[in-house]
PDB file of all heavy atoms in Angstrom:
ATOM      1  N   ASN A   1      88.552  97.198  75.254  1.00  0.00           N
ATOM      2  CA  ASN A   1      88.036  96.299  74.157  1.00  0.00           C
ATOM      3  C   ASN A   1      88.962  96.185  73.026  1.00  0.00           C
ATOM      4  O   ASN A   1      88.702  95.484  71.982  1.00  0.00           O
ATOM      5  CB  ASN A   1      86.643  96.860  73.668  1.00  0.00           C
ATOM      6  CG  ASN A   1      85.537  96.615  74.548  1.00  0.00           C
ATOM      7  OD1 ASN A   1      85.571  95.567  75.378  1.00  0.00           O
ATOM      8  ND2 ASN A   1      84.486  97.368  74.656  1.00  0.00           N
ATOM      9  N   GLY A   2      90.057  96.952  73.049  1.00  0.00           N
ATOM     10  CA  GLY A   2      91.131  96.925  71.972  1.00  0.00           C
ATOM     11  C   GLY A   2      90.962  97.933  71.054  1.00  0.00           C
ATOM     12  O   GLY A   2      89.990  98.362  70.510  1.00  0.00           O
ATOM     13  N   ARG A   3      92.085  98.835  70.904  1.00  0.00           N
ATOM     14  CA  ARG A   3      92.171  99.877  69.991  1.00  0.00           C
ATOM     15  C   ARG A   3      93.060  99.552  68.793  1.00  0.00           C
ATOM     16  O   ARG A   3      93.916  98.798  68.855  1.00  0.00           O
ATOM     17  CB  ARG A   3      92.636 101.116  70.666  1.00  0.00           C
ATOM     18  CG  ARG A   3      91.885 101.580  71.826  1.00  0.00           C
ATOM     19  CD  ARG A   3      92.565 102.830  72.606  1.00  0.00           C
ATOM     20  NE  ARG A   3      93.903 102.363  73.206  1.00  0.00           N
ATOM     21  CZ  ARG A   3      94.627 103.381  74.017  1.00  0.00           C
ATOM     22  NH1 ARG A   3      94.083 104.617  74.102  1.00  0.00           N
ATOM     23  NH2 ARG A   3      95.636 102.987  74.500  1.00  0.00           N
ATOM     24  N   SER A   4      92.620 100.182  67.680  1.00  0.00           N
ATOM     25  CA  SER A   4      93.394 100.041  66.463  1.00  0.00           C
ATOM     26  C   SER A   4      93.605  98.597  66.079  1.00  0.00           C
ATOM     27  O   SER A   4      94.794  98.149  65.649  1.00  0.00           O
ATOM     28  CB  SER A   4      94.731 100.928  66.606  1.00  0.00           C
ATOM     29  OG  SER A   4      94.502 102.164  66.863  1.00  0.00           O
ATOM     30  N   GLY A   5      92.745  97.791  66.216  1.00  0.00           N
ATOM     31  CA  GLY A   5      92.901  96.324  65.824  1.00  0.00           C
ATOM     32  C   GLY A   5      93.582  95.547  66.890  1.00  0.00           C
ATOM     33  O   GLY A   5      93.775  94.262  66.646  1.00  0.00           O
ATOM     34  N   LYS A   6      93.798  96.119  68.080  1.00  0.00           N
ATOM     35  CA  LYS A   6      94.552  95.305  69.056  1.00  0.00           C
ATOM     36  C   LYS A   6      93.644  94.250  69.658  1.00  0.00           C
ATOM     37  O   LYS A   6      92.353  94.581  69.744  1.00  0.00           O
ATOM     38  CB  LYS A   6      95.231  96.229  70.168  1.00  0.00           C
ATOM     39  CG  LYS A   6      96.485  97.014  69.638  1.00  0.00           C
ATOM     40  CD  LYS A   6      97.069  97.787  70.727  1.00  0.00           C
ATOM     41  CE  LYS A   6      98.314  98.433  70.345  1.00  0.00           C
ATOM     42  NZ  LYS A   6      98.101  99.474  69.240  1.00  0.00           N
ATOM     43  N   PRO A   7      94.097  93.249  70.243  1.00  0.00           N
ATOM     44  CA  PRO A   7      93.202  92.243  70.946  1.00  0.00           C
ATOM     45  C   PRO A   7      92.588  92.945  72.187  1.00  0.00           C
ATOM     46  O   PRO A   7      93.067  93.795  72.853  1.00  0.00           O
ATOM     47  CB  PRO A   7      94.046  91.087  71.157  1.00  0.00           C
ATOM     48  CG  PRO A   7      95.282  91.280  70.394  1.00  0.00           C
ATOM     49  CD  PRO A   7      95.339  92.685  70.297  1.00  0.00           C
ATOM     50  N   LYS A   8      91.425  92.337  72.535  1.00  0.00           N
ATOM     51  CA  LYS A   8      90.720  92.748  73.911  1.00  0.00           C
ATOM     52  C   LYS A   8      91.602  92.334  75.060  1.00  0.00           C
ATOM     53  O   LYS A   8      92.260  91.336  75.113  1.00  0.00           O
ATOM     54  CB  LYS A   8      89.307  92.142  73.856  1.00  0.00           C
ATOM     55  CG  LYS A   8      88.509  92.457  75.067  1.00  0.00           C
ATOM     56  CD  LYS A   8      87.218  91.784  75.072  1.00  0.00           C
ATOM     57  CE  LYS A   8      86.327  92.058  76.211  1.00  0.00           C
ATOM     58  NZ  LYS A   8      84.981  91.478  76.344  1.00  0.00           N
ATOM     59  N   ILE A   9      91.637  93.155  76.063  1.00  0.00           N
ATOM     60  CA  ILE A   9      92.160  92.996  77.325  1.00  0.00           C
ATOM     61  C   ILE A   9      91.226  92.418  78.248  1.00  0.00           C
ATOM     62  O   ILE A   9      90.204  93.016  78.528  1.00  0.00           O
ATOM     63  CB  ILE A   9      92.865  94.303  77.877  1.00  0.00           C
ATOM     64  CG1 ILE A   9      93.888  94.868  76.887  1.00  0.00           C
ATOM     65  CG2 ILE A   9      93.468  93.988  79.214  1.00  0.00           C
ATOM     66  CD1 ILE A   9      94.606  96.123  77.250  1.00  0.00           C
ATOM     67  N   GLU A  10      91.561  91.294  78.850  1.00  0.00           N
ATOM     68  CA  GLU A  10      90.694  90.669  79.860  1.00  0.00           C
ATOM     69  C   GLU A  10      90.828  91.267  81.247  1.00  0.00           C
ATOM     70  O   GLU A  10      91.943  91.557  81.612  1.00  0.00           O
ATOM     71  CB  GLU A  10      90.912  89.194  79.907  1.00  0.00           C
ATOM     72  CG  GLU A  10      90.022  88.325  80.842  1.00  0.00           C
ATOM     73  CD  GLU A  10      90.430  86.859  81.083  1.00  0.00           C
ATOM     74  OE1 GLU A  10      91.348  86.430  80.426  1.00  0.00           O
ATOM     75  OE2 GLU A  10      89.727  86.208  81.809  1.00  0.00           O
ATOM     76  N   VAL A  11      89.731  91.462  81.835  1.00  0.00           N
ATOM     77  CA  VAL A  11      89.734  92.068  83.194  1.00  0.00           C
ATOM     78  C   VAL A  11      89.209  90.959  84.205  1.00  0.00           C
ATOM     79  O   VAL A  11      88.135  90.580  84.085  1.00  0.00           O
ATOM     80  CB  VAL A  11      88.931  93.250  83.398  1.00  0.00           C
ATOM     81  CG1 VAL A  11      88.868  93.820  84.716  1.00  0.00           C
ATOM     82  CG2 VAL A  11      89.576  94.443  82.563  1.00  0.00           C
ATOM     83  N   ILE A  12      89.904  90.594  85.321  1.00  0.00           N
ATOM     84  CA  ILE A  12      89.621  89.682  86.267  1.00  0.00           C
ATOM     85  C   ILE A  12      89.362  90.451  87.653  1.00  0.00           C
ATOM     86  O   ILE A  12      90.288  91.140  88.087  1.00  0.00           O
ATOM     87  CB  ILE A  12      90.579  88.523  86.437  1.00  0.00           C
ATOM     88  CG1 ILE A  12      90.740  87.732  85.191  1.00  0.00           C
ATOM     89  CG2 ILE A  12      90.121  87.562  87.668  1.00  0.00           C
ATOM     90  CD1 ILE A  12      91.926  86.841  85.324  1.00  0.00           C
ATOM     91  N   LYS A  13      88.242  90.293  88.162  1.00  0.00           N
ATOM     92  CA  LYS A  13      87.903  91.112  89.472  1.00  0.00           C
ATOM     93  C   LYS A  13      87.825  90.076  90.581  1.00  0.00           C
ATOM     94  O   LYS A  13      86.903  89.269  90.634  1.00  0.00           O
ATOM     95  CB  LYS A  13      86.663  91.834  89.320  1.00  0.00           C
ATOM     96  CG  LYS A  13      86.740  92.966  88.255  1.00  0.00           C
ATOM     97  CD  LYS A  13      85.501  93.801  88.349  1.00  0.00           C
ATOM     98  CE  LYS A  13      84.471  93.314  87.621  1.00  0.00           C
ATOM     99  NZ  LYS A  13      83.233  94.313  87.463  1.00  0.00           N
ATOM    100  N   ASN A  14      88.829  90.143  91.449  1.00  0.00           N
ATOM    101  CA  ASN A  14      88.879  89.329  92.689  1.00  0.00           C
ATOM    102  C   ASN A  14      88.373  90.247  93.843  1.00  0.00           C
ATOM    103  O   ASN A  14      89.360  90.580  94.560  1.00  0.00           O
ATOM    104  CB  ASN A  14      90.271  88.737  92.901  1.00  0.00           C
ATOM    105  CG  ASN A  14      90.584  87.676  91.823  1.00  0.00           C
ATOM    106  OD1 ASN A  14      89.638  86.967  91.220  1.00  0.00           O
ATOM    107  ND2 ASN A  14      91.844  87.604  91.507  1.00  0.00           N
ATOM    108  N   TYR A  15      87.240  90.433  94.001  1.00  0.00           N
ATOM    109  CA  TYR A  15      86.845  91.485  95.070  1.00  0.00           C
ATOM    110  C   TYR A  15      86.513  90.753  96.403  1.00  0.00           C
ATOM    111  O   TYR A  15      85.816  89.739  96.369  1.00  0.00           O
ATOM    112  CB  TYR A  15      85.594  92.244  94.657  1.00  0.00           C
ATOM    113  CG  TYR A  15      85.660  93.264  93.489  1.00  0.00           C
ATOM    114  CD1 TYR A  15      84.503  93.881  92.993  1.00  0.00           C
ATOM    115  CD2 TYR A  15      86.937  93.622  93.091  1.00  0.00           C
ATOM    116  CE1 TYR A  15      84.778  94.831  91.975  1.00  0.00           C
ATOM    117  CE2 TYR A  15      87.052  94.469  92.082  1.00  0.00           C
ATOM    118  CZ  TYR A  15      86.000  95.152  91.593  1.00  0.00           C
ATOM    119  OH  TYR A  15      86.171  96.124  90.586  1.00  0.00           O
ATOM    120  N   GLY A  16      87.239  91.264  97.380  1.00  0.00           N
ATOM    121  CA  GLY A  16      86.843  90.611  98.829  1.00  0.00           C
ATOM    122  C   GLY A  16      85.707  91.347  99.376  1.00  0.00           C
ATOM    123  O   GLY A  16      85.110  92.197  98.753  1.00  0.00           O
ATOM    124  N   ASP A  17      85.460  91.025 100.612  1.00  0.00           N
ATOM    125  CA  ASP A  17      84.328  91.522 101.246  1.00  0.00           C
ATOM    126  C   ASP A  17      84.706  92.733 102.017  1.00  0.00           C
ATOM    127  O   ASP A  17      84.957  92.746 103.163  1.00  0.00           O
ATOM    128  CB  ASP A  17      83.706  90.445 102.266  1.00  0.00           C
ATOM    129  CG  ASP A  17      82.460  90.972 103.008  1.00  0.00           C
ATOM    130  OD1 ASP A  17      81.828  91.829 102.383  1.00  0.00           O
ATOM    131  OD2 ASP A  17      82.023  90.376 104.006  1.00  0.00           O
ATOM    132  N   LEU A  18      84.805  93.883 101.300  1.00  0.00           N
ATOM    133  CA  LEU A  18      85.260  95.214 101.828  1.00  0.00           C
ATOM    134  C   LEU A  18      84.166  95.889 102.635  1.00  0.00           C
ATOM    135  O   LEU A  18      83.127  95.868 102.184  1.00  0.00           O
ATOM    136  CB  LEU A  18      85.835  96.003 100.765  1.00  0.00           C
ATOM    137  CG  LEU A  18      87.050  95.754 100.004  1.00  0.00           C
ATOM    138  CD1 LEU A  18      87.557  96.851  99.128  1.00  0.00           C
ATOM    139  CD2 LEU A  18      88.205  95.337 100.959  1.00  0.00           C
ATOM    140  N   PRO A  19      84.581  96.468 103.759  1.00  0.00           N
ATOM    141  CA  PRO A  19      83.706  97.416 104.413  1.00  0.00           C
ATOM    142  C   PRO A  19      83.624  98.687 103.550  1.00  0.00           C
ATOM    143  O   PRO A  19      84.557  98.909 102.607  1.00  0.00           O
ATOM    144  CB  PRO A  19      84.224  97.649 105.690  1.00  0.00           C
ATOM    145  CG  PRO A  19      85.820  97.519 105.521  1.00  0.00           C
ATOM    146  CD  PRO A  19      85.910  96.396 104.342  1.00  0.00           C
ATOM    147  N   LEU A  20      82.716  99.663 103.961  1.00  0.00           N
ATOM    148  CA  LEU A  20      82.812 100.877 103.372  1.00  0.00           C
ATOM    149  C   LEU A  20      84.201 101.647 103.942  1.00  0.00           C
ATOM    150  O   LEU A  20      84.502 101.456 105.088  1.00  0.00           O
ATOM    151  CB  LEU A  20      81.707 101.902 103.842  1.00  0.00           C
ATOM    152  CG  LEU A  20      80.274 101.362 103.298  1.00  0.00           C
ATOM    153  CD1 LEU A  20      79.162 102.252 103.806  1.00  0.00           C
ATOM    154  CD2 LEU A  20      80.274 101.264 101.801  1.00  0.00           C
ATOM    155  N   VAL A  21      84.904 102.327 103.015  1.00  0.00           N
ATOM    156  CA  VAL A  21      86.134 102.833 103.375  1.00  0.00           C
ATOM    157  C   VAL A  21      86.059 104.390 103.322  1.00  0.00           C
ATOM    158  O   VAL A  21      85.609 104.990 102.394  1.00  0.00           O
ATOM    159  CB  VAL A  21      87.192 102.416 102.333  1.00  0.00           C
ATOM    160  CG1 VAL A  21      88.659 102.971 102.692  1.00  0.00           C
ATOM    161  CG2 VAL A  21      87.294 100.883 102.337  1.00  0.00           C
ATOM    162  N   GLU A  22      86.578 104.994 104.401  1.00  0.00           N
ATOM    163  CA  GLU A  22      86.566 106.438 104.577  1.00  0.00           C
ATOM    164  C   GLU A  22      87.772 106.842 103.727  1.00  0.00           C
ATOM    165  O   GLU A  22      88.872 106.559 103.922  1.00  0.00           O
ATOM    166  CB  GLU A  22      86.668 106.916 106.003  1.00  0.00           C
ATOM    167  CG  GLU A  22      85.424 106.706 106.827  1.00  0.00           C
ATOM    168  CD  GLU A  22      85.288 107.659 107.960  1.00  0.00           C
ATOM    169  OE1 GLU A  22      85.308 108.813 107.615  1.00  0.00           O
ATOM    170  OE2 GLU A  22      85.298 107.287 109.056  1.00  0.00           O
ATOM    171  N   CYS A  23      87.399 107.744 102.783  1.00  0.00           N
ATOM    172  CA  CYS A  23      88.519 108.236 101.822  1.00  0.00           C
ATOM    173  C   CYS A  23      87.980 109.504 101.083  1.00  0.00           C
ATOM    174  O   CYS A  23      86.780 109.887 101.192  1.00  0.00           O
ATOM    175  CB  CYS A  23      88.860 107.142 100.716  1.00  0.00           C
ATOM    176  SG  CYS A  23      87.463 106.634  99.749  1.00  0.00           S
ATOM    177  N   TYR A  24      88.896 110.110 100.444  1.00  0.00           N
ATOM    178  CA  TYR A  24      88.607 111.190  99.509  1.00  0.00           C
ATOM    179  C   TYR A  24      88.372 110.669  98.120  1.00  0.00           C
ATOM    180  O   TYR A  24      89.274 110.493  97.384  1.00  0.00           O
ATOM    181  CB  TYR A  24      89.667 112.322  99.416  1.00  0.00           C
ATOM    182  CG  TYR A  24      89.866 112.999 100.748  1.00  0.00           C
ATOM    183  CD1 TYR A  24      90.909 112.746 101.608  1.00  0.00           C
ATOM    184  CD2 TYR A  24      89.043 114.002 101.203  1.00  0.00           C
ATOM    185  CE1 TYR A  24      91.117 113.322 102.924  1.00  0.00           C
ATOM    186  CE2 TYR A  24      89.257 114.636 102.341  1.00  0.00           C
ATOM    187  CZ  TYR A  24      90.289 114.394 103.211  1.00  0.00           C
ATOM    188  OH  TYR A  24      90.574 114.968 104.403  1.00  0.00           O
TER     189      TYR A  24
END
């Protein structure tokens, strides 16, 4: 959201159709 008066950072989410992933 911006620290010390800095502008907000935009976040773009390009999520694909992922399966459940086995991981730690």
